[in-house]
Amino acid sequence: MPLAALLLAAASTAIFWTADGVLSLVIARAVQGVATGTAIGGLAAGLVNFSPARHPQQGPP
């Protein structure tokens, strides 16, 4: 998921870079929002998976 989010963020950056009107800015912002939502979902799942509550032997003493 983080790789897909990174690719979507790169695509939105390219759309922003070449935007020549309001419609292309709205599309770029929508793609950026999907990229952010994808990144938050994947990274939150990773945080939960590697939390000290699941792996107490890896947490602080």
Protein backbone atom coordinates (compact mmCIF):
# COMPACT_ATOMS: atom_id res chain seq x y z
CA MET A 1 0.00 0.00 0.00
CA PRO A 2 2.70 2.57 0.75
CA LEU A 3 4.18 1.99 -2.71
CA ALA A 4 0.81 2.62 -4.34
CA ALA A 5 0.44 5.77 -2.25
CA LEU A 6 3.87 6.96 -3.33
CA LEU A 7 3.03 6.38 -6.99
CA LEU A 8 -0.27 8.22 -6.63
CA ALA A 9 1.48 11.11 -4.90
CA ALA A 10 3.99 11.28 -7.75
CA ALA A 11 1.15 11.26 -10.27
CA SER A 12 -0.64 14.09 -8.46
CA THR A 13 2.59 16.08 -8.39
CA ALA A 14 2.94 15.63 -12.15
CA ILE A 15 -0.66 16.73 -12.66
CA PHE A 16 -0.11 19.79 -10.46
CA TRP A 17 3.07 20.59 -12.38
CA THR A 18 1.30 20.56 -15.75
CA ALA A 19 -2.03 22.02 -14.60
CA ASP A 20 -3.38 24.70 -16.89
CA GLY A 21 -6.88 25.14 -15.52
CA VAL A 22 -9.22 24.66 -12.63
CA LEU A 23 -10.33 21.19 -13.75
CA SER A 24 -6.80 19.82 -13.79
CA LEU A 25 -6.17 21.32 -10.34
CA VAL A 26 -9.30 19.62 -8.99
CA ILE A 27 -8.23 16.30 -10.52
CA ALA A 28 -4.73 16.67 -9.06
CA ARG A 29 -6.19 17.43 -5.64
CA ALA A 30 -8.46 14.39 -5.84
CA VAL A 31 -5.54 12.13 -6.76
CA GLN A 32 -3.53 13.65 -3.91
CA GLY A 33 -6.37 12.90 -1.50
CA VAL A 34 -6.55 9.27 -2.61
CA ALA A 35 -2.78 8.99 -2.19
CA THR A 36 -2.94 10.40 1.32
CA GLY A 37 -5.82 8.13 2.28
CA THR A 38 -3.98 5.11 0.94
CA ALA A 39 -0.81 6.04 2.81
CA ILE A 40 -2.61 6.64 6.10
CA GLY A 41 -4.39 3.29 5.89
CA GLY A 42 -1.25 1.31 5.13
CA LEU A 43 0.95 3.10 7.64
CA ALA A 44 -1.64 2.84 10.41
CA ALA A 45 -1.88 -0.90 9.82
CA GLY A 46 1.90 -1.12 10.08
CA LEU A 47 1.91 0.81 13.35
CA VAL A 48 -0.70 -1.49 14.84
CA ASN A 49 1.13 -4.57 13.60
CA PHE A 50 4.44 -3.52 15.15
CA SER A 51 3.05 -1.98 18.34
CA PRO A 52 4.62 -2.95 21.67
CA ALA A 53 1.30 -4.41 22.83
CA ARG A 54 1.61 -7.12 20.18
CA HIS A 55 5.34 -7.61 20.68
CA PRO A 56 6.11 -6.82 24.34
CA GLN A 57 9.60 -8.30 24.08
CA GLN A 58 10.57 -5.54 21.61
CA GLY A 59 9.20 -2.62 23.62
CA PRO A 60 10.99 -0.49 26.20
CA PRO A 61 11.88 -2.21 29.48
